[in-house]
């Protein structure tokens, strides 16, 4: 089980051992399941686009098919998260913390909603933790489903389309970029962690 979880947090292992099917499951889980906040969504989308350009035999699909497939997984994940949040409701706030659940993640997402409203579902796509809890909290506060779906689709297209397309063209233009994946992943982690840290600090300050 530990080895399996370790592989789920390694973008290269996900694609190497599970192919497109596991990639789509991980994206669905990160955007739709309460326990998916630790999964490497940004890095996974980036390396999928990169491998589609540099090692097409691993992905075995064209870039449009790859991006549309990941977008659909992200959209479906959010719908599941919305449904879960709507069913669970305010009970989530009284749930005890565990390895896979932290109440502060809900509070961080709530603070983001208070600042950005429904656009959180778009902006949150680019931010770990917020990405997982935004659709769940949308269900808890019962956002209109049509409005939710509009933000859901726009967010998925913007997130997957931008990162996946940039990675693909970088792979086509600069094949040697494969040697610097560690640095790129590190930069992505730092860039995506900054909004999380800022929101967390603001939440703590408001308490």
Protein backbone atom coordinates (compact mmCIF):
# COMPACT_ATOMS: atom_id res chain seq x y z
CA UNK A 1 0.00 0.00 0.00
CA UNK A 2 2.85 2.39 0.88
CA UNK A 3 4.58 1.66 -2.43
CA UNK A 4 1.30 2.26 -4.28
CA UNK A 5 0.75 5.62 -2.55
CA UNK A 6 4.36 6.55 -3.27
CA UNK A 7 3.82 5.85 -6.96
CA UNK A 8 0.64 7.95 -6.94
CA UNK A 9 2.69 10.97 -5.87
CA UNK A 10 5.32 10.49 -8.58
CA UNK A 11 4.14 11.82 -11.98
CA UNK A 12 6.58 9.73 -14.00
CA UNK A 13 5.61 6.50 -12.19
CA UNK A 14 1.91 7.19 -12.74
CA UNK A 15 2.34 7.41 -16.50
CA UNK A 16 5.00 4.70 -16.76
CA UNK A 17 3.08 2.04 -14.81
CA UNK A 18 -0.54 3.07 -15.30
CA UNK A 19 -0.60 4.93 -18.58
CA UNK A 20 -3.45 7.23 -19.52
CA UNK A 21 -6.00 5.33 -17.40
CA UNK A 22 -4.14 5.88 -14.11
CA UNK A 23 -3.35 9.47 -15.10
CA UNK A 24 -7.08 10.18 -15.53
CA UNK A 25 -7.94 8.47 -12.25
CA UNK A 26 -5.39 10.56 -10.35
CA UNK A 27 -6.72 13.80 -11.86
CA UNK A 28 -10.27 12.71 -10.98
CA UNK A 29 -9.22 11.84 -7.43
CA UNK A 30 -7.34 15.09 -6.85
CA UNK A 31 -10.26 17.20 -8.05
CA UNK A 32 -13.12 15.13 -6.67
CA UNK A 33 -12.15 13.04 -3.66
CA UNK A 34 -11.57 14.39 -0.17
CA UNK A 35 -8.37 12.35 0.10
CA UNK A 36 -6.90 13.59 -3.18
CA UNK A 37 -5.30 16.82 -1.99
CA UNK A 38 -1.80 15.27 -1.80
CA UNK A 39 -1.76 14.09 -5.43
CA UNK A 40 0.58 15.83 -7.94
CA UNK A 41 -1.95 17.34 -10.37
CA UNK A 42 0.12 20.20 -11.82
CA UNK A 43 3.26 18.12 -12.26
CA UNK A 44 1.26 15.26 -13.74
CA UNK A 45 -0.42 17.45 -16.36
CA UNK A 46 2.95 19.01 -17.21
CA UNK A 47 4.80 15.73 -17.65
CA UNK A 48 1.89 14.24 -19.61
CA UNK A 49 2.14 17.09 -22.12
CA UNK A 50 5.91 16.75 -22.20
CA UNK A 51 5.85 12.99 -22.80
CA UNK A 52 3.17 13.39 -25.46
CA UNK A 53 5.70 15.48 -27.39
CA UNK A 54 8.90 13.61 -26.56
CA UNK A 55 7.80 10.00 -25.99
CA UNK A 56 4.47 9.53 -27.79
CA UNK A 57 4.76 5.74 -27.42
CA UNK A 58 4.17 6.15 -23.65
CA UNK A 59 0.99 8.22 -24.03
CA UNK A 60 -0.18 6.61 -27.26
CA UNK A 61 -2.63 9.48 -27.92
CA UNK A 62 -2.48 12.82 -29.72
CA UNK A 63 -2.26 16.09 -27.78
CA UNK A 64 -5.94 17.07 -28.38
CA UNK A 65 -7.17 13.65 -27.20
CA UNK A 66 -4.87 13.81 -24.17
CA UNK A 67 -5.99 17.30 -23.13
CA UNK A 68 -9.71 16.63 -23.68
CA UNK A 69 -9.46 13.36 -21.71
CA UNK A 70 -7.77 15.08 -18.76
CA UNK A 71 -10.26 17.97 -18.89
CA UNK A 72 -13.18 15.53 -18.74
CA UNK A 73 -11.59 13.73 -15.78
CA UNK A 74 -11.14 17.07 -13.98
CA UNK A 75 -14.71 18.18 -14.74
CA UNK A 76 -16.15 14.83 -13.60
CA UNK A 77 -14.03 14.96 -10.44
CA UNK A 78 -15.43 18.37 -9.55
CA UNK A 79 -18.99 17.18 -10.11
CA UNK A 80 -18.38 14.28 -7.73
CA UNK A 81 -16.82 16.67 -5.19
CA UNK A 82 -19.83 19.00 -5.47
CA UNK A 83 -22.23 16.10 -4.94
CA UNK A 84 -20.25 14.91 -1.91
CA UNK A 85 -20.20 18.38 -0.39
CA UNK A 86 -23.93 18.80 -0.93
CA UNK A 87 -24.65 15.48 0.77
CA UNK A 88 -22.19 15.96 3.64
CA UNK A 89 -23.13 19.60 4.23
CA UNK A 90 -22.08 21.32 7.44
CA UNK A 91 -21.20 17.94 9.00
CA UNK A 92 -17.77 18.30 7.41
CA UNK A 93 -16.94 21.11 9.84
CA UNK A 94 -17.51 18.82 12.82
CA UNK A 95 -15.50 15.96 11.33
CA UNK A 96 -12.32 15.06 13.23
CA UNK A 97 -8.95 15.58 11.60
CA UNK A 98 -7.29 12.51 10.14
CA UNK A 99 -4.39 11.67 7.82
CA UNK A 100 -6.56 12.37 4.77
CA UNK A 101 -8.66 15.23 6.17
CA UNK A 102 -7.71 18.53 7.79
CA UNK A 103 -10.37 21.01 8.83
CA UNK A 104 -7.95 23.86 8.09
CA UNK A 105 -8.08 22.91 4.39
CA UNK A 106 -11.80 23.67 4.42
CA UNK A 107 -11.17 26.94 6.23
CA UNK A 108 -8.51 27.94 3.69
CA UNK A 109 -10.90 27.22 0.82
CA UNK A 110 -13.70 29.09 2.57
CA UNK A 111 -11.43 32.13 2.93
CA UNK A 112 -10.68 31.90 -0.78
CA UNK A 113 -14.42 31.79 -1.57
CA UNK A 114 -15.02 34.84 0.60
CA UNK A 115 -12.44 36.77 -1.43
CA UNK A 116 -13.09 35.46 -4.95
CA UNK A 117 -16.63 34.01 -4.88
CA UNK A 118 -17.47 31.48 -7.57
CA UNK A 119 -14.25 32.33 -9.43
CA UNK A 120 -12.55 30.19 -6.79
CA UNK A 121 -13.52 27.21 -8.95
CA UNK A 122 -11.42 28.70 -11.77
CA UNK A 123 -8.51 30.19 -9.83
CA UNK A 124 -8.46 27.22 -7.45
CA UNK A 125 -7.66 24.85 -10.31
CA UNK A 126 -4.12 26.20 -10.25
CA UNK A 127 -3.69 25.84 -6.48
CA UNK A 128 -3.17 22.51 -4.65
CA UNK A 129 -5.57 21.82 -1.75
CA UNK A 130 -7.92 24.60 -2.96
CA UNK A 131 -8.30 22.53 -6.14
CA UNK A 132 -9.55 19.57 -4.10
CA UNK A 133 -11.77 21.38 -1.61
CA UNK A 134 -13.29 24.10 -3.84
CA UNK A 135 -15.94 21.84 -5.46
CA UNK A 136 -16.70 20.18 -2.13
CA UNK A 137 -17.28 23.51 -0.42
CA UNK A 138 -19.35 24.66 -3.42
CA UNK A 139 -21.66 21.75 -2.63
CA UNK A 140 -21.69 22.55 1.08
CA UNK A 141 -22.78 26.16 0.47
CA UNK A 142 -25.13 24.99 -2.32
CA UNK A 143 -23.92 27.11 -5.23
CA UNK A 144 -26.36 27.02 -8.17
CA UNK A 145 -25.40 23.92 -10.20
CA UNK A 146 -25.53 25.68 -13.58
CA UNK A 147 -23.20 28.39 -12.33
CA UNK A 148 -21.00 25.71 -10.75
CA UNK A 149 -20.75 23.85 -14.06
CA UNK A 150 -19.82 27.02 -15.95
CA UNK A 151 -16.93 27.74 -13.56
CA UNK A 152 -16.07 24.04 -13.47
CA UNK A 153 -15.65 23.75 -17.25
CA UNK A 154 -13.82 27.08 -17.64
CA UNK A 155 -11.44 26.17 -14.82
CA UNK A 156 -10.66 22.72 -16.22
CA UNK A 157 -10.05 24.03 -19.75
CA UNK A 158 -7.84 26.89 -18.48
CA UNK A 159 -5.82 24.68 -16.10
CA UNK A 160 -5.27 21.64 -18.32
CA UNK A 161 -5.09 23.60 -21.56
CA UNK A 162 -2.43 26.02 -20.38
CA UNK A 163 -0.09 23.66 -18.52
CA UNK A 164 -0.48 20.74 -20.94
CA UNK A 165 -0.02 22.84 -24.08
CA UNK A 166 2.99 24.75 -22.71
CA UNK A 167 4.64 21.46 -21.69
CA UNK A 168 3.97 19.93 -25.12
CA UNK A 169 5.56 22.77 -27.04
CA UNK A 170 8.50 22.97 -24.65
CA UNK A 171 9.08 19.27 -25.28
CA UNK A 172 8.94 19.80 -29.05
CA UNK A 173 11.23 22.82 -29.08
CA UNK A 174 13.66 21.85 -26.29
CA UNK A 175 14.07 18.02 -26.08
CA UNK A 176 16.89 18.48 -23.57
CA UNK A 177 14.34 19.82 -21.06
CA UNK A 178 13.93 16.21 -19.90
CA UNK A 179 17.22 16.61 -18.03
CA UNK A 180 15.81 19.45 -15.93
CA UNK A 181 12.49 17.96 -14.81
CA UNK A 182 13.54 18.02 -11.15
CA UNK A 183 14.10 21.78 -11.29
CA UNK A 184 10.84 22.35 -13.17
CA UNK A 185 8.83 20.29 -10.68
CA UNK A 186 10.48 22.17 -7.83
CA UNK A 187 9.55 25.50 -9.41
CA UNK A 188 5.95 24.35 -9.94
CA UNK A 189 5.69 23.24 -6.33
CA UNK A 190 6.98 26.60 -5.07
CA UNK A 191 4.74 28.65 -7.38
CA UNK A 192 1.62 26.68 -6.50
CA UNK A 193 2.46 26.56 -2.79
CA UNK A 194 2.74 30.35 -2.38
CA UNK A 195 -1.03 31.04 -2.69
CA UNK A 196 -1.74 28.17 -0.27
CA UNK A 197 0.67 29.58 2.32
CA UNK A 198 -0.70 33.11 1.86
CA UNK A 199 -4.30 31.95 2.30
CA UNK A 200 -3.37 29.85 5.31
CA UNK A 201 -1.63 32.79 7.01
CA UNK A 202 -4.59 35.08 6.32
CA UNK A 203 -6.96 32.46 7.74
CA UNK A 204 -4.85 32.12 10.90
CA UNK A 205 -4.66 35.90 11.27
CA UNK A 206 -8.44 36.21 11.04
CA UNK A 207 -9.00 33.64 13.81
